């Protein structure tokens, strides 16, 4: 499920930074590394397993947020002779640095995935690997899994191949730089092709009935008058870049399903009641959703820069709560799922493009690399596969707990000291057992919190616009509560 991203832009001395440090302690998030892990990481960084194939002349580039150093992916695009396109997609070869059963492997299985706090990142692997030796930093030769994905003129896949290779990224870009270059007409051939292929893949997604959620990133900034909450809405360049990753994940899923062994990211279709609830939220947030308009087309019509559309997009992440991982190895009696599809993408899909940040991607990568090479999947992978879905589920729960705690803390910090103040809000949820209570969404700032009715016997008007009074905003307990007035 897409995470609600929160970033804090505040001075080092700001109170919220201290509170975030204390939050990590309360959640028992380990930010330090055991000495054996650091020692093994240093040794692996000095002597990684290097592939025979040299593709360092391929002019790859990366697109990531400014300042990122854990660069999982790099790409190169070109026109195919006779029509269509070719995408080379290099993914960091984490297995070249992680010894099965070693200290790094054990620690990664404990951490499961990188955790994101508004002010700090708690990585899956030590920085010596994730931000240095394995990261696809510009100008540095790195072991990678190099996909070749050939597309026809409409962006449909006609060939998918994979091999281990030594690669070198030639430049590092961020989303804003790519967007500016395309918008101002100064894009070079590579960026122009990224825009072209990204749009074609979006059309392929539309034709399948799939949808990607452009969830805005919330930013909290300290001002002279307190904290303010704003949004950084993803632009088209974010979507084009995401489509290249999705393209690879779809190809990986097909490869593993054909081989009868692998790890899929699955999502069942949401029940009708979930869509009915979203319609009520849309009405509450003044999002126009005609009865005949399909959900995917509604999402494509929204503007993530508009506060109410942004709030609705965050609510839509609830449709993805059933997502999970499914490991299968038919030769060992572990069957593939009866329905291998991912409902949001309308196709089978695998997480395989972020091995520096997600544990499961390393195993999916190893399956794909072996199958593509016509080799047996390594025993250490096959032996681990049955346990990986459980590990990933625990990691997802942990990440969701961190996200919820961070959102609660930031919202409480934003409203602290304003108890007794009245706000305009819309009711976006009502408790079934206690209809006098529910959840409200403020129009300004974009905060969502619990609310009690003015009269215990009253019913909060779902979708209605009401006045509420802030009764509690406590950063220590991460609690925000309102009462209808």
Protein backbone atom coordinates (compact mmCIF):
# COMPACT_ATOMS: atom_id res chain seq x y z
CA UNK A 1 0.00 0.00 0.00
CA UNK A 2 1.40 3.44 -0.83
CA UNK A 3 2.66 5.05 2.34
CA UNK A 4 1.62 8.55 3.33
CA UNK A 5 4.98 10.29 3.20
CA UNK A 6 5.69 12.98 5.75
CA UNK A 7 8.77 15.18 5.65
CA UNK A 8 9.73 17.68 8.32
CA UNK A 9 11.58 20.80 7.26
CA UNK A 10 12.52 22.24 10.63
CA UNK A 11 15.58 23.50 12.44
CA UNK A 12 17.65 20.87 14.26
CA UNK A 13 16.58 22.41 17.55
CA UNK A 14 12.86 22.24 16.74
CA UNK A 15 10.72 20.46 19.31
CA UNK A 16 9.27 18.07 16.74
CA UNK A 17 12.71 16.59 16.06
CA UNK A 18 13.10 15.71 19.72
CA UNK A 19 9.64 14.19 19.74
CA UNK A 20 10.45 12.06 16.70
CA UNK A 21 13.60 10.77 18.40
CA UNK A 22 11.53 9.86 21.46
CA UNK A 23 8.94 8.21 19.22
CA UNK A 24 11.57 5.89 17.75
CA UNK A 25 12.60 4.91 21.27
CA UNK A 26 9.00 4.19 22.30
CA UNK A 27 8.42 2.06 19.19
CA UNK A 28 11.69 0.20 19.90
CA UNK A 29 13.10 1.02 16.48
CA UNK A 30 16.74 -0.03 16.40
CA UNK A 31 18.84 2.58 14.65
CA UNK A 32 22.20 1.08 15.63
CA UNK A 33 23.89 -1.89 13.96
CA UNK A 34 25.45 -4.93 15.67
CA UNK A 35 29.22 -5.00 15.21
CA UNK A 36 29.21 -8.32 13.29
CA UNK A 37 26.83 -6.78 10.74
CA UNK A 38 29.04 -3.73 10.24
CA UNK A 39 32.15 -5.89 9.95
CA UNK A 40 30.53 -8.17 7.39
CA UNK A 41 29.23 -5.16 5.44
CA UNK A 42 32.72 -3.67 5.26
CA UNK A 43 34.18 -6.95 4.03
CA UNK A 44 31.41 -7.46 1.47
CA UNK A 45 31.80 -3.90 0.19
CA UNK A 46 35.48 -4.54 -0.46
CA UNK A 47 34.95 -7.94 -2.13
CA UNK A 48 31.49 -8.25 -3.73
CA UNK A 49 30.57 -11.00 -6.16
CA UNK A 50 31.10 -9.45 -9.60
CA UNK A 51 29.38 -10.61 -12.80
CA UNK A 52 31.23 -11.56 -15.97
CA UNK A 53 29.18 -9.40 -18.34
CA UNK A 54 30.37 -5.78 -18.60
CA UNK A 55 27.67 -3.24 -19.47
CA UNK A 56 29.39 -0.17 -18.03
CA UNK A 57 29.27 1.54 -21.43
CA UNK A 58 25.45 1.66 -21.23
CA UNK A 59 24.61 5.31 -20.39
CA UNK A 60 22.25 4.63 -17.50
CA UNK A 61 20.68 7.35 -15.36
CA UNK A 62 18.77 7.38 -12.07
CA UNK A 63 15.70 9.38 -11.00
CA UNK A 64 15.23 9.75 -7.26
CA UNK A 65 14.36 12.40 -4.65
CA UNK A 66 17.10 15.02 -4.13
CA UNK A 67 19.83 13.85 -1.79
CA UNK A 68 18.99 10.14 -2.03
CA UNK A 69 21.92 7.76 -1.80
CA UNK A 70 20.17 4.36 -1.68
CA UNK A 71 19.69 4.16 -5.44
CA UNK A 72 18.11 0.83 -6.40
CA UNK A 73 17.41 1.45 -10.09
CA UNK A 74 18.94 3.02 -13.19
CA UNK A 75 17.63 3.04 -16.76
CA UNK A 76 18.50 3.61 -20.39
CA UNK A 77 15.90 3.90 -23.16
CA UNK A 78 16.22 3.79 -26.93
CA UNK A 79 14.27 3.33 -30.15
CA UNK A 80 14.24 -0.21 -31.48
CA UNK A 81 15.16 -0.72 -35.14
CA UNK A 82 11.93 -1.22 -37.04
CA UNK A 83 9.77 0.49 -34.41
CA UNK A 84 9.02 0.32 -30.73
CA UNK A 85 11.26 0.90 -27.76
CA UNK A 86 13.86 -0.84 -25.63
CA UNK A 87 14.22 -0.24 -21.90
CA UNK A 88 17.32 -1.31 -20.02
CA UNK A 89 16.58 -1.34 -16.31
CA UNK A 90 19.41 -2.05 -13.87
CA UNK A 91 18.56 -3.06 -10.31
CA UNK A 92 21.12 -3.13 -7.52
CA UNK A 93 22.39 -6.69 -6.99
CA UNK A 94 22.12 -6.86 -3.21
CA UNK A 95 22.80 -10.61 -3.23
CA UNK A 96 26.33 -9.80 -4.41
CA UNK A 97 26.94 -8.33 -0.94
CA UNK A 98 24.73 -10.43 1.35
CA UNK A 99 25.91 -13.93 2.27
CA UNK A 100 22.97 -16.32 2.86
CA UNK A 101 22.82 -17.13 6.55
CA UNK A 102 25.33 -14.40 7.42
CA UNK A 103 25.04 -11.51 9.85
CA UNK A 104 23.66 -9.04 7.27
CA UNK A 105 21.10 -11.58 6.08
CA UNK A 106 19.92 -12.25 9.63
CA UNK A 107 19.66 -8.55 10.47
CA UNK A 108 17.78 -7.85 7.22
CA UNK A 109 15.27 -10.57 8.06
CA UNK A 110 14.75 -8.87 11.42
CA UNK A 111 14.33 -5.39 9.94
CA UNK A 112 12.43 -6.53 6.78
CA UNK A 113 12.21 -3.08 5.20
CA UNK A 114 13.48 0.45 5.44
CA UNK A 115 11.38 2.59 7.80
CA UNK A 116 10.70 6.22 6.97
CA UNK A 117 10.23 8.83 9.66
CA UNK A 118 9.63 12.48 8.73
CA UNK A 119 13.17 13.39 9.81
CA UNK A 120 15.10 10.15 9.53
CA UNK A 121 15.39 6.91 7.58
CA UNK A 122 16.06 3.58 9.33
CA UNK A 123 17.56 1.45 6.55
CA UNK A 124 17.26 -2.26 5.84
CA UNK A 125 20.99 -2.63 5.17
CA UNK A 126 24.04 -0.84 6.62
CA UNK A 127 24.91 2.41 4.89
CA UNK A 128 28.21 0.93 3.68
CA UNK A 129 26.09 -1.25 1.39
CA UNK A 130 22.80 0.58 0.88
CA UNK A 131 24.25 4.05 0.35
CA UNK A 132 27.65 3.12 -1.00
CA UNK A 133 28.92 -0.18 -2.37
CA UNK A 134 25.61 -1.55 -3.71
CA UNK A 135 23.94 1.77 -4.56
CA UNK A 136 23.87 2.75 -8.24
CA UNK A 137 25.68 6.02 -7.63
CA UNK A 138 26.86 7.93 -10.70
CA UNK A 139 30.32 7.13 -12.03
CA UNK A 140 30.75 3.95 -9.97
CA UNK A 141 30.82 0.39 -11.41
CA UNK A 142 28.24 -1.74 -9.63
CA UNK A 143 26.94 -5.33 -9.89
CA UNK A 144 23.34 -5.29 -11.04
CA UNK A 145 20.47 -7.31 -12.43
CA UNK A 146 20.05 -5.84 -15.90
CA UNK A 147 16.63 -6.20 -17.52
CA UNK A 148 16.09 -5.74 -21.23
CA UNK A 149 12.44 -4.96 -21.93
CA UNK A 150 11.43 -4.59 -25.57
CA UNK A 151 8.15 -2.81 -26.29
CA UNK A 152 6.12 -2.35 -29.44
CA UNK A 153 5.01 1.05 -30.72
CA UNK A 154 2.07 1.03 -28.29
CA UNK A 155 4.21 0.21 -25.26
CA UNK A 156 3.23 -3.46 -24.94
CA UNK A 157 5.97 -5.92 -23.96
CA UNK A 158 7.25 -8.16 -26.76
CA UNK A 159 10.39 -9.45 -25.01
CA UNK A 160 11.72 -9.53 -21.45
CA UNK A 161 15.23 -10.73 -20.65
CA UNK A 162 17.50 -10.54 -17.63
CA UNK A 163 21.17 -11.09 -16.88
CA UNK A 164 23.71 -10.17 -14.25
CA UNK A 165 25.98 -7.36 -15.40
CA UNK A 166 28.46 -4.79 -14.21
CA UNK A 167 26.89 -1.37 -14.83
CA UNK A 168 27.72 2.28 -14.27
CA UNK A 169 25.19 5.06 -13.86
CA UNK A 170 26.28 8.11 -15.84
CA UNK A 171 24.09 10.72 -14.13
CA UNK A 172 21.74 11.23 -11.21
CA UNK A 173 18.51 13.20 -11.72
CA UNK A 174 15.55 14.09 -9.55
CA UNK A 175 11.87 14.25 -10.46
CA UNK A 176 11.70 18.04 -10.58
CA UNK A 177 14.69 18.28 -12.93
CA UNK A 178 13.15 15.72 -15.30
CA UNK A 179 9.81 17.52 -15.21
CA UNK A 180 11.36 20.92 -15.91
CA UNK A 181 13.37 19.59 -18.83
CA UNK A 182 10.29 18.03 -20.44
CA UNK A 183 7.98 20.98 -19.72
CA UNK A 184 10.45 23.59 -21.03
CA UNK A 185 11.32 21.64 -24.15
CA UNK A 186 14.92 21.09 -23.08
CA UNK A 187 14.73 17.33 -22.55
CA UNK A 188 17.48 15.28 -24.17
CA UNK A 189 16.65 12.06 -26.00
CA UNK A 190 16.69 9.94 -22.85
CA UNK A 191 14.25 12.12 -20.92
CA UNK A 192 12.04 12.56 -23.96
CA UNK A 193 11.90 8.77 -24.30
CA UNK A 194 11.11 8.39 -20.59
CA UNK A 195 8.14 10.70 -21.07
CA UNK A 196 7.03 8.85 -24.21
CA UNK A 197 7.39 5.35 -22.79
CA UNK A 198 5.90 6.42 -19.44
CA UNK A 199 2.79 7.77 -21.15
CA UNK A 200 2.47 4.64 -23.30
CA UNK A 201 2.71 2.43 -20.23
CA UNK A 202 0.05 4.56 -18.52
CA UNK A 203 -2.21 3.89 -21.50
CA UNK A 204 -1.43 0.17 -21.21
CA UNK A 205 -2.43 0.38 -17.55
CA UNK A 206 -5.65 2.17 -18.47
CA UNK A 207 -6.48 -0.49 -21.07
CA UNK A 208 -5.97 -3.26 -18.47
CA UNK A 209 -8.26 -1.47 -16.05
CA UNK A 210 -5.45 -0.72 -13.62
CA UNK A 211 -4.64 2.43 -11.69
CA UNK A 212 -1.68 3.94 -9.82
CA UNK A 213 -2.48 6.27 -6.92
CA UNK A 214 -0.66 9.65 -7.08
CA UNK A 215 -0.63 10.05 -3.29
CA UNK A 216 0.76 13.47 -2.26
CA UNK A 217 3.67 13.80 0.12
CA UNK A 218 2.88 15.84 3.20
CA UNK A 219 5.46 18.35 4.37
CA UNK A 220 5.57 19.94 7.79
CA UNK A 221 7.52 23.19 7.96
CA UNK A 222 8.41 25.27 10.99
CA UNK A 223 7.54 28.98 10.74
CA UNK A 224 7.70 31.93 13.12
CA UNK A 225 4.09 31.20 14.06
CA UNK A 226 4.35 27.44 14.53
CA UNK A 227 4.15 24.54 12.09
CA UNK A 228 2.28 24.50 8.80
CA UNK A 229 1.21 21.48 6.77
CA UNK A 230 1.46 21.41 3.00
CA UNK A 231 1.63 18.94 0.17
CA UNK A 232 4.17 18.00 -2.46
CA UNK A 233 2.03 16.50 -5.20
CA UNK A 234 3.65 13.95 -7.52
CA UNK A 235 4.04 15.25 -11.06
CA UNK A 236 3.90 13.40 -14.38
CA UNK A 237 7.63 12.59 -14.16
CA UNK A 238 7.00 10.68 -10.91
CA UNK A 239 4.42 8.61 -12.77
CA UNK A 240 6.66 7.93 -15.79
CA UNK A 241 9.44 6.72 -13.52
CA UNK A 242 7.02 4.54 -11.57
CA UNK A 243 5.77 2.98 -14.80
CA UNK A 244 9.25 1.70 -15.63
CA UNK A 245 9.43 0.01 -12.23
CA UNK A 246 5.92 -1.41 -12.65
CA UNK A 247 6.82 -2.67 -16.13
CA UNK A 248 9.70 -4.63 -14.59
CA UNK A 249 7.57 -6.01 -11.77
CA UNK A 250 4.94 -7.22 -14.23
CA UNK A 251 7.61 -8.92 -16.36
CA UNK A 252 9.14 -10.54 -13.27
CA UNK A 253 5.75 -11.93 -12.21
CA UNK A 254 5.17 -13.49 -15.63
CA UNK A 255 8.67 -15.00 -15.61
CA UNK A 256 8.19 -16.58 -12.18
CA UNK A 257 4.66 -17.85 -12.92
CA UNK A 258 5.91 -19.56 -16.08
CA UNK A 259 8.72 -21.19 -14.05
CA UNK A 260 6.40 -22.30 -11.23
CA UNK A 261 8.50 -20.70 -8.51
CA UNK A 262 8.65 -17.19 -7.10
CA UNK A 263 7.21 -14.47 -4.92
CA UNK A 264 4.24 -12.35 -6.00
CA UNK A 265 2.67 -9.20 -4.60
CA UNK A 266 -1.05 -9.93 -4.71
CA UNK A 267 -4.18 -7.89 -4.02
CA UNK A 268 -7.77 -9.17 -4.11
CA UNK A 269 -10.52 -6.98 -5.52
CA UNK A 270 -11.99 -4.63 -2.92
CA UNK A 271 -15.55 -5.41 -1.79
CA UNK A 272 -18.44 -3.30 -3.01
CA UNK A 273 -18.85 -1.83 0.48
CA UNK A 274 -15.36 -0.29 0.26
CA UNK A 275 -16.32 1.57 -2.91
CA UNK A 276 -19.60 2.69 -1.35
CA UNK A 277 -17.65 4.14 1.57
CA UNK A 278 -15.32 5.94 -0.86
CA UNK A 279 -18.33 7.47 -2.59
CA UNK A 280 -19.48 8.88 0.75
CA UNK A 281 -16.01 10.29 1.39
CA UNK A 282 -15.95 11.79 -2.11
CA UNK A 283 -19.23 13.56 -1.41
CA UNK A 284 -17.91 14.80 1.92
CA UNK A 285 -14.79 16.23 0.27
CA UNK A 286 -16.65 17.79 -2.69
CA UNK A 287 -15.00 15.36 -5.12
CA UNK A 288 -17.29 14.97 -8.11
CA UNK A 289 -17.79 11.25 -8.82
CA UNK A 290 -20.59 10.67 -11.33
CA UNK A 291 -22.30 7.32 -10.86
CA UNK A 292 -21.28 6.14 -14.32
CA UNK A 293 -17.60 7.08 -13.96
CA UNK A 294 -15.37 4.06 -13.18
CA UNK A 295 -13.08 4.36 -10.19
CA UNK A 296 -9.81 4.27 -12.22
CA UNK A 297 -11.02 7.12 -14.42
CA UNK A 298 -12.02 9.14 -11.36
CA UNK A 299 -8.49 8.80 -9.97
CA UNK A 300 -7.00 9.96 -13.28
CA UNK A 301 -9.25 13.04 -13.20
CA UNK A 302 -8.06 14.23 -9.78
CA UNK A 303 -5.49 16.91 -9.07
CA UNK A 304 -3.12 15.86 -6.24
CA UNK A 305 -2.30 19.56 -5.78
CA UNK A 306 -5.89 20.31 -4.71
CA UNK A 307 -6.29 19.76 -0.93
CA UNK A 308 -9.63 17.94 -1.11
CA UNK A 309 -8.48 15.74 -4.00
CA UNK A 310 -5.31 14.99 -2.04
CA UNK A 311 -7.33 14.00 1.03
CA UNK A 312 -9.48 11.72 -1.11
CA UNK A 313 -6.42 10.07 -2.67
CA UNK A 314 -5.15 9.29 0.82
CA UNK A 315 -8.50 7.73 1.64
CA UNK A 316 -8.24 5.58 -1.50
CA UNK A 317 -5.21 3.78 -0.08
CA UNK A 318 -7.70 1.87 2.05
CA UNK A 319 -8.60 -0.19 -1.03
CA UNK A 320 -5.08 -1.61 -0.99
CA UNK A 321 -5.18 -2.97 2.56
CA UNK A 322 -5.59 -6.55 1.42
CA UNK A 323 -2.25 -6.58 -0.39
CA UNK A 324 0.14 -9.35 0.58
CA UNK A 325 2.89 -11.63 -0.63
CA UNK A 326 2.46 -15.14 -2.00
CA UNK A 327 5.43 -17.50 -2.31
CA UNK A 328 5.12 -20.55 -4.52
CA UNK A 329 7.37 -23.42 -5.55
CA UNK A 330 5.31 -26.01 -7.35
CA UNK A 331 8.14 -28.56 -7.53
CA UNK A 332 8.20 -28.58 -3.71
CA UNK A 333 4.45 -28.68 -3.15
CA UNK A 334 3.98 -24.93 -2.60
CA UNK A 335 1.26 -23.97 -5.10
CA UNK A 336 0.87 -20.71 -7.00
CA UNK A 337 -2.14 -18.62 -5.92
CA UNK A 338 -5.46 -19.47 -7.55
CA UNK A 339 -5.75 -15.78 -8.40
CA UNK A 340 -2.23 -14.38 -8.90
CA UNK A 341 -3.43 -10.92 -9.87
CA UNK A 342 -2.93 -7.53 -8.26
CA UNK A 343 -6.33 -5.85 -8.42
CA UNK A 344 -5.02 -2.28 -8.58
CA UNK A 345 -2.68 -3.10 -11.47
CA UNK A 346 -5.08 -5.57 -13.13
CA UNK A 347 -2.27 -8.07 -13.71
CA UNK A 348 0.12 -10.36 -11.80
CA UNK A 349 2.90 -8.33 -10.23
CA UNK A 350 6.07 -8.81 -8.17
CA UNK A 351 8.10 -6.49 -5.98
CA UNK A 352 11.64 -6.80 -7.34
CA UNK A 353 12.97 -3.29 -8.00
CA UNK A 354 13.82 -2.05 -4.49
CA UNK A 355 16.14 -4.68 -2.94
CA UNK A 356 18.07 -2.05 -0.97
CA UNK A 357 14.86 -1.19 0.87
CA UNK A 358 12.66 -4.34 0.86
CA UNK A 359 13.76 -7.81 1.94
CA UNK A 360 11.48 -9.76 -0.40
CA UNK A 361 12.87 -8.13 -3.54
CA UNK A 362 16.21 -9.90 -3.09
CA UNK A 363 14.52 -13.31 -3.23
CA UNK A 364 12.36 -12.38 -6.23
CA UNK A 365 15.47 -11.10 -8.01
CA UNK A 366 17.35 -14.34 -7.43
CA UNK A 367 14.48 -16.44 -8.77
CA UNK A 368 14.22 -14.29 -11.90
CA UNK A 369 17.99 -14.30 -12.49
CA UNK A 370 18.19 -18.08 -12.25
CA UNK A 371 15.14 -18.70 -14.46
CA UNK A 372 16.34 -16.24 -17.12
CA UNK A 373 19.77 -17.93 -17.17
CA UNK A 374 18.23 -21.40 -17.46
CA UNK A 375 19.70 -22.38 -14.10
CA UNK A 376 18.27 -23.95 -10.96
CA UNK A 377 16.97 -21.50 -8.38
CA UNK A 378 19.52 -21.54 -5.52
CA UNK A 379 18.61 -23.79 -2.60
CA UNK A 380 18.98 -20.94 -0.10
CA UNK A 381 16.25 -19.05 -1.97
CA UNK A 382 13.90 -22.03 -2.23
CA UNK A 383 14.37 -22.86 1.43
CA UNK A 384 13.63 -19.28 2.49
CA UNK A 385 10.64 -18.64 0.19
CA UNK A 386 7.90 -20.18 2.39
CA UNK A 387 8.82 -17.85 5.28
CA UNK A 388 9.20 -14.66 3.24
CA UNK A 389 5.46 -13.72 3.04
CA UNK A 390 5.21 -13.89 6.83
CA UNK A 391 8.32 -11.78 7.25
CA UNK A 392 7.05 -9.22 4.76
CA UNK A 393 3.64 -9.10 6.46
CA UNK A 394 5.31 -8.35 9.79
CA UNK A 395 7.44 -5.67 8.14
CA UNK A 396 4.40 -4.10 6.52
CA UNK A 397 2.61 -4.00 9.87
CA UNK A 398 5.65 -2.38 11.45
CA UNK A 399 5.88 0.20 8.67
CA UNK A 400 2.16 0.95 9.00
CA UNK A 401 2.57 1.39 12.76
CA UNK A 402 5.43 3.81 12.19
CA UNK A 403 3.43 5.71 9.60
CA UNK A 404 0.36 6.01 11.81
CA UNK A 405 2.42 7.10 14.81
CA UNK A 406 4.25 9.72 12.74
CA UNK A 407 1.04 11.10 11.25
CA UNK A 408 -0.56 11.24 14.70
CA UNK A 409 2.48 13.00 16.17
CA UNK A 410 2.73 15.56 13.37
CA UNK A 411 -0.99 16.35 13.46
CA UNK A 412 -0.89 16.72 17.25
CA UNK A 413 2.15 18.98 16.97
CA UNK A 414 0.44 21.13 14.33
CA UNK A 415 -2.60 21.69 16.54
CA UNK A 416 -0.93 21.83 19.96
CA UNK A 417 -1.91 24.97 21.87
CA UNK A 418 -5.08 25.51 19.82
CA UNK A 419 -7.43 23.62 22.13
CA UNK A 420 -10.82 25.31 22.30
CA UNK A 421 -10.55 26.65 18.73
CA UNK A 422 -13.34 25.89 16.26
CA UNK A 423 -12.79 24.49 12.75
CA UNK A 424 -14.87 23.57 9.73
CA UNK A 425 -14.76 19.83 9.02
CA UNK A 426 -16.46 17.15 6.97
CA UNK A 427 -17.56 13.84 8.47
CA UNK A 428 -15.81 11.09 6.53
CA UNK A 429 -16.68 8.11 8.74
CA UNK A 430 -19.25 7.24 11.41
CA UNK A 431 -18.92 4.45 13.97
CA UNK A 432 -21.44 1.71 13.27
CA UNK A 433 -21.88 0.90 16.95
CA UNK A 434 -21.73 4.48 18.23
CA UNK A 435 -23.00 6.80 15.47
CA UNK A 436 -22.49 9.86 17.68
CA UNK A 437 -18.73 9.39 17.08
CA UNK A 438 -16.66 9.17 13.95
CA UNK A 439 -13.85 10.68 11.96
CA UNK A 440 -13.68 14.18 10.54
CA UNK A 441 -11.41 15.80 7.98
CA UNK A 442 -10.52 19.44 8.53
CA UNK A 443 -10.53 21.64 5.49
CA UNK A 444 -7.61 23.67 6.86
CA UNK A 445 -5.16 22.27 7.91
CA UNK A 446 -5.49 18.88 6.23
CA UNK A 447 -5.88 16.89 9.45
CA UNK A 448 -8.04 13.83 10.00
CA UNK A 449 -9.05 12.89 13.57
CA UNK A 450 -11.68 11.41 15.89
CA UNK A 451 -14.74 13.45 16.76
CA UNK A 452 -17.54 13.04 19.30
CA UNK A 453 -21.03 14.37 18.74
CA UNK A 454 -22.36 17.29 20.75
CA UNK A 455 -25.18 15.05 22.03
CA UNK A 456 -24.47 11.38 22.89
CA UNK A 457 -27.77 10.48 21.28
CA UNK A 458 -27.11 12.38 18.06
CA UNK A 459 -25.76 10.91 14.83
CA UNK A 460 -22.85 12.50 13.01
CA UNK A 461 -23.98 13.32 9.45
CA UNK A 462 -21.78 11.22 7.18
CA UNK A 463 -20.59 13.46 4.36
CA UNK A 464 -21.91 16.52 6.17
CA UNK A 465 -20.10 19.79 6.80
CA UNK A 466 -19.99 20.59 10.53
CA UNK A 467 -18.26 22.85 13.02
CA UNK A 468 -15.98 21.08 15.48
CA UNK A 469 -13.99 22.22 18.51
CA UNK A 470 -10.49 20.96 19.24
CA UNK A 471 -10.61 19.29 22.67
CA UNK A 472 -7.20 17.62 22.75
CA UNK A 473 -3.90 17.94 20.85
CA UNK A 474 -1.20 16.13 22.78
CA UNK A 475 2.10 15.32 21.01
CA UNK A 476 3.20 13.17 23.95
CA UNK A 477 0.34 10.70 23.49
CA UNK A 478 -0.02 11.52 19.77
CA UNK A 479 -3.71 12.24 20.31
CA UNK A 480 -6.03 14.67 18.50
CA UNK A 481 -9.71 14.78 19.38
CA UNK A 482 -12.59 17.03 18.36
CA UNK A 483 -16.16 17.54 19.53
CA UNK A 484 -19.05 18.68 17.37
CA UNK A 485 -20.46 22.09 18.34
